Amino acid sequence: MAPRSFWKGYLKLSLVTCPVAMLPAVSEGDKLRFHTVNRATGHRVQARYVDAETGKPVADADEVKGYPRGDDDHVMLEDDELDAVALDSTRTIDIDMFVPRESIAWIWYDTPHFLVPDDKVGEEAFAVIREAMRVTGVVGISRLVLYRRERAVMLEPRDRGIVLWTLRYGDEVRDAMAYFAGIEPEKADAAAKRAMASLIEQRTQPWTAEMMRDPVQEKLLELIAAKRKAGKRAGRRAGRADNVIDLTEALRRSLAGRAG
């Protein structure tokens, strides 16, 4: 089953507009997650916000966003005030410029999303925008409010749809030369280079998603399945050391297998 869209709005290029929906291109839904539980009861432990000074729990209605301006001094912003900072880019992806695809370095790429037409009527306009970018070899640049911030986004035609990448902010990207400039250029021995090239050639194979398996998670799932089969509830073991040893041993074997 295809995932549900988490954003709906409009894709706009000059006078051409069409409704679109956005879906996440990656998922962490299958990642193994643990709950923190009370060993004595087996019940889950709840996390609660408490006042840093009084130590007393804070009611949901009293939680508010605050921007620090000094020690224990904040500018408070209510949710409706944050929502009121509405921008046109909240629901419209207005492509205002195009750049060559190869001109955007990999380090600027943040999070990918799939962009698809949201109704049959808008499919033609969507296809026109997508194919125009494809034949000219460019990607579109726009701005969009996501996760409460306006972000620069890149739109790239891909198959029958468009991949929308959020782009990193300028102050997030560091200059590589600040790290690499101190590395002295070495003249590698010709024989060593040939030997290394031969080794690389021997180990070169076609890319497959299977290369991205997580052997540690697989071993943990095996451990959990074994405990379920044995009828032992997680966290109800009499000795804490046994649990630690089981988990450590599973991780040790996983890492040993991966190294081999």
C-alpha atoms as a PDB file:
ATOM      1  CA  MET A   1       0.000   0.000   0.000  1.00  0.00           C
ATOM      2  CA  ALA A   2       1.372   3.415  -0.994  1.00  0.00           C
ATOM      3  CA  PRO A   3       1.987   5.791   1.920  1.00  0.00           C
ATOM      4  CA  ARG A   4      -0.403   8.683   2.446  1.00  0.00           C
ATOM      5  CA  SER A   5       0.638  12.168   1.424  1.00  0.00           C
ATOM      6  CA  PHE A   6       1.671  14.491   4.253  1.00  0.00           C
ATOM      7  CA  TRP A   7       1.420  17.720   2.222  1.00  0.00           C
ATOM      8  CA  LYS A   8      -0.964  18.948  -0.457  1.00  0.00           C
ATOM      9  CA  GLY A   9      -0.821  22.186  -2.410  1.00  0.00           C
ATOM     10  CA  TYR A  10      -0.039  23.548  -5.847  1.00  0.00           C
ATOM     11  CA  LEU A  11       2.876  23.417  -8.275  1.00  0.00           C
ATOM     12  CA  LYS A  12       3.133  26.676 -10.201  1.00  0.00           C
ATOM     13  CA  LEU A  13       5.266  27.811 -13.133  1.00  0.00           C
ATOM     14  CA  SER A  14       4.276  31.201 -14.501  1.00  0.00           C
ATOM     15  CA  LEU A  15       0.590  30.819 -15.448  1.00  0.00           C
ATOM     16  CA  VAL A  16       0.597  27.011 -15.309  1.00  0.00           C
ATOM     17  CA  THR A  17      -0.703  25.606 -12.020  1.00  0.00           C
ATOM     18  CA  CYS A  18      -1.684  22.123 -10.939  1.00  0.00           C
ATOM     19  CA  PRO A  19      -2.618  20.488  -7.613  1.00  0.00           C
ATOM     20  CA  VAL A  20       0.070  18.190  -6.231  1.00  0.00           C
ATOM     21  CA  ALA A  21       0.672  15.926  -3.259  1.00  0.00           C
ATOM     22  CA  MET A  22       3.963  15.211  -1.515  1.00  0.00           C
ATOM     23  CA  LEU A  23       5.008  11.905  -0.013  1.00  0.00           C
ATOM     24  CA  PRO A  24       8.177  10.907   1.857  1.00  0.00           C
ATOM     25  CA  ALA A  25      10.735   9.190  -0.363  1.00  0.00           C
ATOM     26  CA  VAL A  26      12.386   7.372   2.528  1.00  0.00           C
ATOM     27  CA  SER A  27      10.983   5.687   5.608  1.00  0.00           C
ATOM     28  CA  GLU A  28      12.233   4.593   9.002  1.00  0.00           C
ATOM     29  CA  GLY A  29       9.075   2.637   9.730  1.00  0.00           C
ATOM     30  CA  ASP A  30      10.869  -0.727   9.738  1.00  0.00           C
ATOM     31  CA  LYS A  31      13.693   0.435  12.003  1.00  0.00           C
ATOM     32  CA  LEU A  32      13.861  -1.497  15.264  1.00  0.00           C
ATOM     33  CA  ARG A  33      12.772   0.646  18.208  1.00  0.00           C
ATOM     34  CA  PHE A  34      12.703  -0.060  21.914  1.00  0.00           C
ATOM     35  CA  HIS A  35      10.492   1.275  24.693  1.00  0.00           C
ATOM     36  CA  THR A  36      11.851   2.123  28.119  1.00  0.00           C
ATOM     37  CA  VAL A  37      10.021   0.016  30.686  1.00  0.00           C
ATOM     38  CA  ASN A  38       9.904  -0.386  34.442  1.00  0.00           C
ATOM     39  CA  ARG A  39      11.811  -3.595  35.215  1.00  0.00           C
ATOM     40  CA  ALA A  40       9.733  -4.222  38.338  1.00  0.00           C
ATOM     41  CA  THR A  41       6.295  -3.980  36.652  1.00  0.00           C
ATOM     42  CA  GLY A  42       6.963  -4.352  32.929  1.00  0.00           C
ATOM     43  CA  HIS A  43       4.991  -1.123  32.322  1.00  0.00           C
ATOM     44  CA  ARG A  44       6.203   1.553  29.919  1.00  0.00           C
ATOM     45  CA  VAL A  45       7.879   4.641  31.371  1.00  0.00           C
ATOM     46  CA  GLN A  46       6.431   8.032  30.395  1.00  0.00           C
ATOM     47  CA  ALA A  47       8.561  11.097  29.695  1.00  0.00           C
ATOM     48  CA  ARG A  48       7.169  14.364  31.037  1.00  0.00           C
ATOM     49  CA  TYR A  49       8.281  17.972  30.852  1.00  0.00           C
ATOM     50  CA  VAL A  50       9.171  19.434  34.239  1.00  0.00           C
ATOM     51  CA  ASP A  51      10.066  22.956  35.296  1.00  0.00           C
ATOM     52  CA  ALA A  52      13.859  23.208  35.371  1.00  0.00           C
ATOM     53  CA  GLU A  53      13.776  25.209  38.635  1.00  0.00           C
ATOM     54  CA  THR A  54      10.844  23.818  40.616  1.00  0.00           C
ATOM     55  CA  GLY A  55      11.044  20.245  39.312  1.00  0.00           C
ATOM     56  CA  LYS A  56       7.235  20.156  39.062  1.00  0.00           C
ATOM     57  CA  PRO A  57       5.475  18.702  35.957  1.00  0.00           C
ATOM     58  CA  VAL A  58       4.287  21.269  33.398  1.00  0.00           C
ATOM     59  CA  ALA A  59       0.736  20.941  32.041  1.00  0.00           C
ATOM     60  CA  ASP A  60       0.365  20.696  28.263  1.00  0.00           C
ATOM     61  CA  ALA A  61      -1.589  23.970  28.209  1.00  0.00           C
ATOM     62  CA  ASP A  62       1.349  25.782  29.835  1.00  0.00           C
ATOM     63  CA  GLU A  63       3.971  24.617  27.333  1.00  0.00           C
ATOM     64  CA  VAL A  64       4.972  27.391  24.934  1.00  0.00           C
ATOM     65  CA  LYS A  65       7.808  28.082  22.511  1.00  0.00           C
ATOM     66  CA  GLY A  66      10.445  30.475  23.847  1.00  0.00           C
ATOM     67  CA  TYR A  67      13.378  32.262  22.217  1.00  0.00           C
ATOM     68  CA  PRO A  68      16.209  32.928  24.698  1.00  0.00           C
ATOM     69  CA  ARG A  69      17.289  36.530  25.195  1.00  0.00           C
ATOM     70  CA  GLY A  70      19.102  36.086  28.504  1.00  0.00           C
ATOM     71  CA  ASP A  71      19.440  33.822  31.531  1.00  0.00           C
ATOM     72  CA  ASP A  72      15.960  32.510  32.366  1.00  0.00           C
ATOM     73  CA  ASP A  73      14.512  35.167  30.074  1.00  0.00           C
ATOM     74  CA  HIS A  74      12.634  34.170  26.916  1.00  0.00           C
ATOM     75  CA  VAL A  75      10.472  35.768  24.269  1.00  0.00           C
ATOM     76  CA  MET A  76       7.366  33.558  24.288  1.00  0.00           C
ATOM     77  CA  LEU A  77       5.541  32.714  21.058  1.00  0.00           C
ATOM     78  CA  GLU A  78       2.110  31.092  20.995  1.00  0.00           C
ATOM     79  CA  ASP A  79       1.180  28.491  18.367  1.00  0.00           C
ATOM     80  CA  ASP A  80      -1.323  30.815  16.718  1.00  0.00           C
ATOM     81  CA  GLU A  81       1.385  33.492  16.427  1.00  0.00           C
ATOM     82  CA  LEU A  82       3.709  31.031  14.723  1.00  0.00           C
ATOM     83  CA  ASP A  83       0.936  29.899  12.373  1.00  0.00           C
ATOM     84  CA  ALA A  84       0.134  33.532  11.554  1.00  0.00           C
ATOM     85  CA  VAL A  85       3.552  33.974   9.949  1.00  0.00           C
ATOM     86  CA  ALA A  86       1.953  32.692   6.752  1.00  0.00           C
ATOM     87  CA  LEU A  87       3.890  32.786   3.518  1.00  0.00           C
ATOM     88  CA  ASP A  88       2.731  32.147  -0.032  1.00  0.00           C
ATOM     89  CA  SER A  89       5.099  29.175  -0.042  1.00  0.00           C
ATOM     90  CA  THR A  90       3.027  27.461   2.645  1.00  0.00           C
ATOM     91  CA  ARG A  91       0.809  25.799   0.036  1.00  0.00           C
ATOM     92  CA  THR A  92       2.345  26.772  -3.311  1.00  0.00           C
ATOM     93  CA  ILE A  93       5.579  25.579  -4.901  1.00  0.00           C
ATOM     94  CA  ASP A  94       6.210  28.493  -7.250  1.00  0.00           C
ATOM     95  CA  ILE A  95       9.231  27.687  -9.436  1.00  0.00           C
ATOM     96  CA  ASP A  96      10.998  31.009  -9.900  1.00  0.00           C
ATOM     97  CA  MET A  97      14.308  29.854 -11.425  1.00  0.00           C
ATOM     98  CA  PHE A  98      16.123  26.937 -13.043  1.00  0.00           C
ATOM     99  CA  VAL A  99      19.742  25.807 -12.784  1.00  0.00           C
ATOM    100  CA  PRO A 100      21.781  23.041 -14.437  1.00  0.00           C
ATOM    101  CA  ARG A 101      21.333  19.799 -12.515  1.00  0.00           C
ATOM    102  CA  GLU A 102      25.076  19.260 -12.053  1.00  0.00           C
ATOM    103  CA  SER A 103      25.612  22.735 -10.605  1.00  0.00           C
ATOM    104  CA  ILE A 104      24.194  21.749  -7.193  1.00  0.00           C
ATOM    105  CA  ALA A 105      26.788  19.803  -5.202  1.00  0.00           C
ATOM    106  CA  TRP A 106      25.746  16.718  -3.241  1.00  0.00           C
ATOM    107  CA  ILE A 107      26.378  18.379   0.113  1.00  0.00           C
ATOM    108  CA  TRP A 108      23.419  20.739  -0.355  1.00  0.00           C
ATOM    109  CA  TYR A 109      20.936  17.861  -0.629  1.00  0.00           C
ATOM    110  CA  ASP A 110      18.901  17.293   2.535  1.00  0.00           C
ATOM    111  CA  THR A 111      15.703  15.200   2.406  1.00  0.00           C
ATOM    112  CA  PRO A 112      13.994  13.687  -0.676  1.00  0.00           C
ATOM    113  CA  HIS A 113      10.243  13.642  -1.273  1.00  0.00           C
ATOM    114  CA  PHE A 114       8.056  12.351  -4.113  1.00  0.00           C
ATOM    115  CA  LEU A 115       5.837  14.931  -5.797  1.00  0.00           C
ATOM    116  CA  VAL A 116       2.819  13.633  -7.739  1.00  0.00           C
ATOM    117  CA  PRO A 117      -0.269  15.189  -9.363  1.00  0.00           C
ATOM    118  CA  ASP A 118      -3.223  15.253  -6.973  1.00  0.00           C
ATOM    119  CA  ASP A 119      -6.023  14.880  -9.528  1.00  0.00           C
ATOM    120  CA  LYS A 120      -6.547  13.720 -13.102  1.00  0.00           C
ATOM    121  CA  VAL A 121      -7.283  17.216 -14.392  1.00  0.00           C
ATOM    122  CA  GLY A 122      -3.864  18.492 -13.304  1.00  0.00           C
ATOM    123  CA  GLU A 123      -1.852  15.582 -14.719  1.00  0.00           C
ATOM    124  CA  GLU A 124      -1.294  17.260 -18.086  1.00  0.00           C
ATOM    125  CA  ALA A 125       0.068  20.481 -16.560  1.00  0.00           C
ATOM    126  CA  PHE A 126       2.248  18.420 -14.214  1.00  0.00           C
ATOM    127  CA  ALA A 127       3.622  16.420 -17.164  1.00  0.00           C
ATOM    128  CA  VAL A 128       4.347  19.582 -19.163  1.00  0.00           C
ATOM    129  CA  ILE A 129       6.432  21.061 -16.315  1.00  0.00           C
ATOM    130  CA  ARG A 130       8.220  17.745 -15.692  1.00  0.00           C
ATOM    131  CA  GLU A 131       9.095  17.091 -19.347  1.00  0.00           C
ATOM    132  CA  ALA A 132      10.202  20.679 -19.988  1.00  0.00           C
ATOM    133  CA  MET A 133      12.779  20.329 -17.206  1.00  0.00           C
ATOM    134  CA  ARG A 134      13.854  16.918 -18.498  1.00  0.00           C
ATOM    135  CA  VAL A 135      14.517  17.976 -22.101  1.00  0.00           C
ATOM    136  CA  THR A 136      16.402  21.124 -21.044  1.00  0.00           C
ATOM    137  CA  GLY A 137      18.530  19.282 -18.449  1.00  0.00           C
ATOM    138  CA  VAL A 138      17.670  21.640 -15.607  1.00  0.00           C
ATOM    139  CA  VAL A 139      16.098  21.453 -12.175  1.00  0.00           C
ATOM    140  CA  GLY A 140      13.682  23.919 -10.655  1.00  0.00           C
ATOM    141  CA  ILE A 141      14.422  25.989  -7.567  1.00  0.00           C
ATOM    142  CA  SER A 142      11.632  27.208  -5.321  1.00  0.00           C
ATOM    143  CA  ARG A 143      10.832  27.859  -1.680  1.00  0.00           C
ATOM    144  CA  LEU A 144       8.393  25.959   0.497  1.00  0.00           C
ATOM    145  CA  VAL A 145       7.336  26.038   4.133  1.00  0.00           C
ATOM    146  CA  LEU A 146       8.010  22.619   5.649  1.00  0.00           C
ATOM    147  CA  TYR A 147       8.437  21.702   9.292  1.00  0.00           C
ATOM    148  CA  ARG A 148       7.619  25.318  10.316  1.00  0.00           C
ATOM    149  CA  ARG A 149      10.488  26.793   8.291  1.00  0.00           C
ATOM    150  CA  GLU A 150      10.681  28.157   4.780  1.00  0.00           C
ATOM    151  CA  ARG A 151      13.176  26.036   2.914  1.00  0.00           C
ATOM    152  CA  ALA A 152      14.812  26.200  -0.488  1.00  0.00           C
ATOM    153  CA  VAL A 153      13.790  23.158  -2.525  1.00  0.00           C
ATOM    154  CA  MET A 154      15.001  21.576  -5.750  1.00  0.00           C
ATOM    155  CA  LEU A 155      12.610  19.855  -8.168  1.00  0.00           C
ATOM    156  CA  GLU A 156      14.059  17.135 -10.381  1.00  0.00           C
ATOM    157  CA  PRO A 157      12.106  15.135 -13.001  1.00  0.00           C
ATOM    158  CA  ARG A 158      12.267  11.421 -12.244  1.00  0.00           C
ATOM    159  CA  ASP A 159      10.386   8.769 -14.246  1.00  0.00           C
ATOM    160  CA  ARG A 160       6.721   9.833 -14.296  1.00  0.00           C
ATOM    161  CA  GLY A 161       7.006  12.076 -11.259  1.00  0.00           C
ATOM    162  CA  ILE A 162       9.185  14.729  -9.677  1.00  0.00           C
ATOM    163  CA  VAL A 163      11.600  14.337  -6.778  1.00  0.00           C
ATOM    164  CA  LEU A 164      11.587  17.342  -4.464  1.00  0.00           C
ATOM    165  CA  TRP A 165      14.745  17.735  -2.384  1.00  0.00           C
ATOM    166  CA  THR A 166      14.861  20.127   0.519  1.00  0.00           C
ATOM    167  CA  LEU A 167      18.205  21.935   0.390  1.00  0.00           C
ATOM    168  CA  ARG A 168      20.412  22.766   3.335  1.00  0.00           C
ATOM    169  CA  TYR A 169      20.756  26.342   4.530  1.00  0.00           C
ATOM    170  CA  GLY A 170      23.950  28.206   3.693  1.00  0.00           C
ATOM    171  CA  ASP A 171      25.110  28.292   7.314  1.00  0.00           C
ATOM    172  CA  GLU A 172      24.823  24.492   7.520  1.00  0.00           C
ATOM    173  CA  VAL A 173      27.318  23.689   4.762  1.00  0.00           C
ATOM    174  CA  ARG A 174      31.018  23.773   5.613  1.00  0.00           C
ATOM    175  CA  ASP A 175      33.878  24.371   3.188  1.00  0.00           C
ATOM    176  CA  ALA A 176      35.621  21.061   2.455  1.00  0.00           C
ATOM    177  CA  MET A 177      38.957  22.776   1.861  1.00  0.00           C
ATOM    178  CA  ALA A 178      39.071  23.799   5.514  1.00  0.00           C
ATOM    179  CA  TYR A 179      39.511  20.095   6.236  1.00  0.00           C
ATOM    180  CA  PHE A 180      41.335  18.799   3.161  1.00  0.00           C
ATOM    181  CA  ALA A 181      43.793  21.629   2.520  1.00  0.00           C
ATOM    182  CA  GLY A 182      46.309  20.297   5.040  1.00  0.00           C
ATOM    183  CA  ILE A 183      46.580  16.895   3.353  1.00  0.00           C
ATOM    184  CA  GLU A 184      49.856  16.776   1.471  1.00  0.00           C
ATOM    185  CA  PRO A 185      49.679  15.587  -2.146  1.00  0.00           C
ATOM    186  CA  GLU A 186      51.517  12.284  -2.375  1.00  0.00           C
ATOM    187  CA  LYS A 187      52.959  10.700  -5.470  1.00  0.00           C
ATOM    188  CA  ALA A 188      51.875   7.076  -5.269  1.00  0.00           C
ATOM    189  CA  ASP A 189      54.197   4.392  -6.547  1.00  0.00           C
ATOM    190  CA  ALA A 190      53.137   3.226 -10.024  1.00  0.00           C
ATOM    191  CA  ALA A 191      53.247  -0.448  -9.056  1.00  0.00           C
ATOM    192  CA  ALA A 192      51.211   0.240  -5.915  1.00  0.00           C
ATOM    193  CA  LYS A 193      48.587   2.090  -7.951  1.00  0.00           C
ATOM    194  CA  ARG A 194      48.294  -0.796 -10.409  1.00  0.00           C
ATOM    195  CA  ALA A 195      47.932  -3.285  -7.562  1.00  0.00           C
ATOM    196  CA  MET A 196      45.271  -1.153  -5.896  1.00  0.00           C
ATOM    197  CA  ALA A 197      43.382  -0.702  -9.174  1.00  0.00           C
ATOM    198  CA  SER A 198      43.433  -4.486  -9.649  1.00  0.00           C
ATOM    199  CA  LEU A 199      42.068  -5.002  -6.121  1.00  0.00           C
ATOM    200  CA  ILE A 200      39.279  -2.487  -6.711  1.00  0.00           C
ATOM    201  CA  GLU A 201      38.369  -4.156 -10.003  1.00  0.00           C
ATOM    202  CA  GLN A 202      38.131  -7.558  -8.282  1.00  0.00           C
ATOM    203  CA  ARG A 203      35.733  -6.183  -5.670  1.00  0.00           C
ATOM    204  CA  THR A 204      33.566  -4.116  -8.030  1.00  0.00           C
ATOM    205  CA  GLN A 205      30.015  -5.397  -8.494  1.00  0.00           C
ATOM    206  CA  PRO A 206      26.607  -4.011  -9.503  1.00  0.00           C
ATOM    207  CA  TRP A 207      24.806  -1.998  -6.867  1.00  0.00           C
ATOM    208  CA  THR A 208      21.826  -3.645  -5.158  1.00  0.00           C
ATOM    209  CA  ALA A 209      19.711  -2.588  -2.201  1.00  0.00           C
ATOM    210  CA  GLU A 210      20.782  -5.821  -0.479  1.00  0.00           C
ATOM    211  CA  MET A 211      24.144  -4.138   0.194  1.00  0.00           C
ATOM    212  CA  MET A 212      22.359  -1.891   2.682  1.00  0.00           C
ATOM    213  CA  ARG A 213      21.235  -4.672   5.027  1.00  0.00           C
ATOM    214  CA  ASP A 214      21.502  -4.034   8.763  1.00  0.00           C
ATOM    215  CA  PRO A 215      23.016  -7.226  10.232  1.00  0.00           C
ATOM    216  CA  VAL A 216      22.898  -5.857  13.785  1.00  0.00           C
ATOM    217  CA  GLN A 217      19.144  -5.257  13.563  1.00  0.00           C
ATOM    218  CA  GLU A 218      18.659  -8.705  12.031  1.00  0.00           C
ATOM    219  CA  LYS A 219      20.477 -10.323  14.953  1.00  0.00           C
ATOM    220  CA  LEU A 220      18.473  -8.271  17.439  1.00  0.00           C
ATOM    221  CA  LEU A 221      15.240  -9.417  15.781  1.00  0.00           C
ATOM    222  CA  GLU A 222      16.458 -13.012  16.069  1.00  0.00           C
ATOM    223  CA  LEU A 223      17.191 -12.421  19.748  1.00  0.00           C
ATOM    224  CA  ILE A 224      13.704 -10.958  20.319  1.00  0.00           C
ATOM    225  CA  ALA A 225      12.079 -13.846  18.444  1.00  0.00           C
ATOM    226  CA  ALA A 226      13.993 -16.368  20.556  1.00  0.00           C
ATOM    227  CA  LYS A 227      12.883 -14.654  23.770  1.00  0.00           C
ATOM    228  CA  ARG A 228       9.262 -14.641  22.577  1.00  0.00           C
ATOM    229  CA  LYS A 229       9.472 -18.326  21.732  1.00  0.00           C
ATOM    230  CA  ALA A 230      10.861 -19.072  25.156  1.00  0.00           C
ATOM    231  CA  GLY A 231       7.915 -17.227  26.685  1.00  0.00           C
ATOM    232  CA  LYS A 232      10.041 -14.665  28.483  1.00  0.00           C
ATOM    233  CA  ARG A 233       8.720 -11.133  28.682  1.00  0.00           C
ATOM    234  CA  ALA A 234      11.253  -8.401  28.017  1.00  0.00           C
ATOM    235  CA  GLY A 235      12.405  -6.793  31.233  1.00  0.00           C
ATOM    236  CA  ARG A 236      11.085  -9.495  33.576  1.00  0.00           C
ATOM    237  CA  ARG A 237      14.304 -11.503  33.807  1.00  0.00           C
ATOM    238  CA  ALA A 238      15.486 -11.993  37.371  1.00  0.00           C
ATOM    239  CA  GLY A 239      19.065 -10.879  36.790  1.00  0.00           C
ATOM    240  CA  ARG A 240      19.993  -7.755  34.906  1.00  0.00           C
ATOM    241  CA  ALA A 241      23.387  -9.137  33.956  1.00  0.00           C
ATOM    242  CA  ASP A 242      21.820 -11.935  31.865  1.00  0.00           C
ATOM    243  CA  ASN A 243      20.027  -9.422  29.637  1.00  0.00           C
ATOM    244  CA  VAL A 244      23.184  -7.383  29.170  1.00  0.00           C
ATOM    245  CA  ILE A 245      25.209 -10.475  28.317  1.00  0.00           C
ATOM    246  CA  ASP A 246      22.612 -11.672  25.772  1.00  0.00           C
ATOM    247  CA  LEU A 247      22.510  -8.305  24.007  1.00  0.00           C
ATOM    248  CA  THR A 248      26.270  -7.838  24.102  1.00  0.00           C
ATOM    249  CA  GLU A 249      26.854 -11.327  22.738  1.00  0.00           C
ATOM    250  CA  ALA A 250      24.353 -10.736  19.925  1.00  0.00           C
ATOM    251  CA  LEU A 251      26.058  -7.483  18.968  1.00  0.00           C
ATOM    252  CA  ARG A 252      29.516  -9.084  19.185  1.00  0.00           C
ATOM    253  CA  ARG A 253      28.507 -11.901  16.849  1.00  0.00           C
ATOM    254  CA  SER A 254      26.843  -9.465  14.449  1.00  0.00           C
ATOM    255  CA  LEU A 255      29.906  -7.268  14.215  1.00  0.00           C
ATOM    256  CA  ALA A 256      32.210 -10.292  13.911  1.00  0.00           C
ATOM    257  CA  GLY A 257      30.110 -11.603  11.024  1.00  0.00           C
ATOM    258  CA  ARG A 258      30.123  -8.239   9.288  1.00  0.00           C
ATOM    259  CA  ALA A 259      33.882  -7.925   9.660  1.00  0.00           C
ATOM    260  CA  GLY A 260      34.370 -11.342   8.115  1.00  0.00           C
END
